[in-house]
Amino acid sequence: WSFTKNVIADISREIEARSYFKAISTSCQYFQVLGKQLLGKNVKEFMEFPQIINSLHSRNIIDGEICSKMHNIRDYRNPIEHEGAGFQFNSEEVKKAERLATEALNICKLLEGKK
């Protein structure tokens, strides 16, 4: 994946534009890149996303709450990203997507601060 110099700003703009799924997707990609960097892995080296999250937790880079949030964000994204499931535009789903996008942004900030 290729990122701009300021992924945090990109994700923030996506949230401001109410492109919550795009913000979540970008965040998940960035979780993987930052996670590998924090684990000392080559960014091109293959690691399953759940393994990255669990390794960050087992090495005390993130706590249990952040680990759980990252898995929840990933679980929300996967059916839409990989299985072509649709995103339902009802008010509850939009609120959930907004909450998860905001959590994802905060986790990206946290991970960047640990670099």
C-alpha atoms as a PDB file:
ATOM      1  CA  TRP A   1       0.000   0.000   0.000  1.00  0.00           C
ATOM      2  CA  SER A   2       1.116   3.519  -0.581  1.00  0.00           C
ATOM      3  CA  PHE A   3       0.277   6.311   1.824  1.00  0.00           C
ATOM      4  CA  THR A   4       0.562  10.055   1.708  1.00  0.00           C
ATOM      5  CA  LYS A   5       2.939  11.722   4.134  1.00  0.00           C
ATOM      6  CA  ASN A   6       0.129  12.422   6.570  1.00  0.00           C
ATOM      7  CA  VAL A   7      -2.237   9.460   6.755  1.00  0.00           C
ATOM      8  CA  ILE A   8      -3.787  10.845   9.955  1.00  0.00           C
ATOM      9  CA  ALA A   9      -4.880  13.976   8.071  1.00  0.00           C
ATOM     10  CA  ASP A  10      -6.250  11.815   5.241  1.00  0.00           C
ATOM     11  CA  ILE A  11      -8.298   9.723   7.668  1.00  0.00           C
ATOM     12  CA  SER A  12      -9.535  12.880   9.416  1.00  0.00           C
ATOM     13  CA  ARG A  13     -10.672  14.321   6.073  1.00  0.00           C
ATOM     14  CA  GLU A  14     -12.476  11.069   5.243  1.00  0.00           C
ATOM     15  CA  ILE A  15     -14.339  11.276   8.565  1.00  0.00           C
ATOM     16  CA  GLU A  16     -15.191  14.944   8.010  1.00  0.00           C
ATOM     17  CA  ALA A  17     -16.551  13.998   4.567  1.00  0.00           C
ATOM     18  CA  ARG A  18     -18.618  11.266   6.265  1.00  0.00           C
ATOM     19  CA  SER A  19     -16.753   8.626   4.237  1.00  0.00           C
ATOM     20  CA  TYR A  20     -16.614   6.418   7.310  1.00  0.00           C
ATOM     21  CA  PHE A  21     -15.974   3.127   5.577  1.00  0.00           C
ATOM     22  CA  LYS A  22     -13.113   4.636   3.588  1.00  0.00           C
ATOM     23  CA  ALA A  23     -11.657   5.979   6.862  1.00  0.00           C
ATOM     24  CA  ILE A  24     -11.973   2.528   8.444  1.00  0.00           C
ATOM     25  CA  SER A  25     -10.396   0.824   5.437  1.00  0.00           C
ATOM     26  CA  THR A  26      -7.485   3.293   5.300  1.00  0.00           C
ATOM     27  CA  SER A  27      -6.985   2.911   9.055  1.00  0.00           C
ATOM     28  CA  CYS A  28      -6.841  -0.887   8.817  1.00  0.00           C
ATOM     29  CA  GLN A  29      -4.228  -0.679   6.090  1.00  0.00           C
ATOM     30  CA  TYR A  30      -2.249   1.762   8.214  1.00  0.00           C
ATOM     31  CA  PHE A  31      -2.625  -0.463  11.307  1.00  0.00           C
ATOM     32  CA  GLN A  32      -0.880  -3.195   9.342  1.00  0.00           C
ATOM     33  CA  VAL A  33       1.982  -0.993   8.149  1.00  0.00           C
ATOM     34  CA  LEU A  34       2.555   0.663  11.536  1.00  0.00           C
ATOM     35  CA  GLY A  35       2.100  -2.630  13.352  1.00  0.00           C
ATOM     36  CA  LYS A  36       4.801  -4.312  11.305  1.00  0.00           C
ATOM     37  CA  GLN A  37       7.129  -1.360  11.859  1.00  0.00           C
ATOM     38  CA  LEU A  38       6.537  -1.478  15.612  1.00  0.00           C
ATOM     39  CA  LEU A  39       7.145  -5.236  15.605  1.00  0.00           C
ATOM     40  CA  GLY A  40      10.384  -4.768  13.692  1.00  0.00           C
ATOM     41  CA  LYS A  41       9.127  -6.641  10.637  1.00  0.00           C
ATOM     42  CA  ASN A  42       9.823  -5.773   7.026  1.00  0.00           C
ATOM     43  CA  VAL A  43       6.675  -4.028   5.764  1.00  0.00           C
ATOM     44  CA  LYS A  44       6.634  -6.353   2.743  1.00  0.00           C
ATOM     45  CA  GLU A  45       6.922  -9.453   4.930  1.00  0.00           C
ATOM     46  CA  PHE A  46       3.589 -11.278   5.059  1.00  0.00           C
ATOM     47  CA  MET A  47       1.769 -11.396   8.379  1.00  0.00           C
ATOM     48  CA  GLU A  48      -1.952 -11.960   8.852  1.00  0.00           C
ATOM     49  CA  PHE A  49      -3.680  -8.860  10.218  1.00  0.00           C
ATOM     50  CA  PRO A  50      -5.003 -10.640  13.355  1.00  0.00           C
ATOM     51  CA  GLN A  51      -1.468 -11.890  14.029  1.00  0.00           C
ATOM     52  CA  ILE A  52      -0.143  -8.315  13.846  1.00  0.00           C
ATOM     53  CA  ILE A  53      -2.774  -7.114  16.319  1.00  0.00           C
ATOM     54  CA  ASN A  54      -2.184 -10.008  18.720  1.00  0.00           C
ATOM     55  CA  SER A  55       1.600  -9.592  18.511  1.00  0.00           C
ATOM     56  CA  LEU A  56       1.292  -5.880  19.346  1.00  0.00           C
ATOM     57  CA  HIS A  57      -0.695  -6.876  22.421  1.00  0.00           C
ATOM     58  CA  SER A  58       1.567  -9.743  23.494  1.00  0.00           C
ATOM     59  CA  ARG A  59       4.576  -7.434  23.304  1.00  0.00           C
ATOM     60  CA  ASN A  60       2.740  -4.788  25.389  1.00  0.00           C
ATOM     61  CA  ILE A  61       2.814  -2.248  22.571  1.00  0.00           C
ATOM     62  CA  ILE A  62      -0.961  -1.959  22.911  1.00  0.00           C
ATOM     63  CA  ASP A  63      -3.202  -2.886  25.826  1.00  0.00           C
ATOM     64  CA  GLY A  64      -6.132  -5.291  25.844  1.00  0.00           C
ATOM     65  CA  GLU A  65      -8.716  -2.580  25.202  1.00  0.00           C
ATOM     66  CA  ILE A  66      -6.930  -1.278  22.090  1.00  0.00           C
ATOM     67  CA  CYS A  67      -6.382  -4.866  20.910  1.00  0.00           C
ATOM     68  CA  SER A  68     -10.107  -5.556  21.223  1.00  0.00           C
ATOM     69  CA  LYS A  69     -11.011  -2.318  19.401  1.00  0.00           C
ATOM     70  CA  MET A  70      -8.621  -3.115  16.559  1.00  0.00           C
ATOM     71  CA  HIS A  71     -10.164  -6.576  16.148  1.00  0.00           C
ATOM     72  CA  ASN A  72     -13.685  -5.054  16.215  1.00  0.00           C
ATOM     73  CA  ILE A  73     -12.744  -2.506  13.544  1.00  0.00           C
ATOM     74  CA  ARG A  74     -11.177  -5.240  11.405  1.00  0.00           C
ATOM     75  CA  ASP A  75     -14.216  -7.492  11.863  1.00  0.00           C
ATOM     76  CA  TYR A  76     -16.515  -4.650  10.795  1.00  0.00           C
ATOM     77  CA  ARG A  77     -14.437  -3.903   7.702  1.00  0.00           C
ATOM     78  CA  ASN A  78     -13.806  -7.429   6.440  1.00  0.00           C
ATOM     79  CA  PRO A  79     -17.236  -8.418   5.040  1.00  0.00           C
ATOM     80  CA  ILE A  80     -17.462  -5.174   3.081  1.00  0.00           C
ATOM     81  CA  GLU A  81     -13.822  -5.080   1.967  1.00  0.00           C
ATOM     82  CA  HIS A  82     -13.282  -8.741   1.131  1.00  0.00           C
ATOM     83  CA  GLU A  83     -16.681 -10.328   0.647  1.00  0.00           C
ATOM     84  CA  GLY A  84     -18.561  -7.570  -1.171  1.00  0.00           C
ATOM     85  CA  ALA A  85     -21.201  -7.227   1.533  1.00  0.00           C
ATOM     86  CA  GLY A  86     -23.132  -4.008   1.286  1.00  0.00           C
ATOM     87  CA  PHE A  87     -23.009  -1.145   3.715  1.00  0.00           C
ATOM     88  CA  GLN A  88     -26.504  -0.397   5.041  1.00  0.00           C
ATOM     89  CA  PHE A  89     -27.263   3.298   5.216  1.00  0.00           C
ATOM     90  CA  ASN A  90     -29.624   3.393   8.165  1.00  0.00           C
ATOM     91  CA  SER A  91     -29.041   5.757  11.060  1.00  0.00           C
ATOM     92  CA  GLU A  92     -27.800   3.078  13.459  1.00  0.00           C
ATOM     93  CA  GLU A  93     -25.274   1.714  10.957  1.00  0.00           C
ATOM     94  CA  VAL A  94     -24.002   5.204  10.155  1.00  0.00           C
ATOM     95  CA  LYS A  95     -23.560   5.952  13.879  1.00  0.00           C
ATOM     96  CA  LYS A  96     -21.657   2.687  14.316  1.00  0.00           C
ATOM     97  CA  ALA A  97     -19.451   3.408  11.303  1.00  0.00           C
ATOM     98  CA  GLU A  98     -18.750   6.926  12.575  1.00  0.00           C
ATOM     99  CA  ARG A  99     -17.834   5.604  16.035  1.00  0.00           C
ATOM    100  CA  LEU A 100     -15.536   2.927  14.608  1.00  0.00           C
ATOM    101  CA  ALA A 101     -13.898   5.383  12.189  1.00  0.00           C
ATOM    102  CA  THR A 102     -13.188   7.751  15.068  1.00  0.00           C
ATOM    103  CA  GLU A 103     -11.784   4.897  17.183  1.00  0.00           C
ATOM    104  CA  ALA A 104      -9.624   3.822  14.228  1.00  0.00           C
ATOM    105  CA  LEU A 105      -8.262   7.362  13.830  1.00  0.00           C
ATOM    106  CA  ASN A 106      -7.388   7.511  17.522  1.00  0.00           C
ATOM    107  CA  ILE A 107      -5.620   4.144  17.346  1.00  0.00           C
ATOM    108  CA  CYS A 108      -3.601   5.311  14.307  1.00  0.00           C
ATOM    109  CA  LYS A 109      -2.526   8.360  16.318  1.00  0.00           C
ATOM    110  CA  LEU A 110      -1.572   6.133  19.246  1.00  0.00           C
ATOM    111  CA  LEU A 111       0.470   3.781  17.043  1.00  0.00           C
ATOM    112  CA  GLU A 112       2.200   6.683  15.282  1.00  0.00           C
ATOM    113  CA  GLY A 113       3.199   8.037  18.688  1.00  0.00           C
ATOM    114  CA  LYS A 114       4.953   4.743  19.455  1.00  0.00           C
ATOM    115  CA  LYS A 115       7.184   4.820  16.338  1.00  0.00           C
END
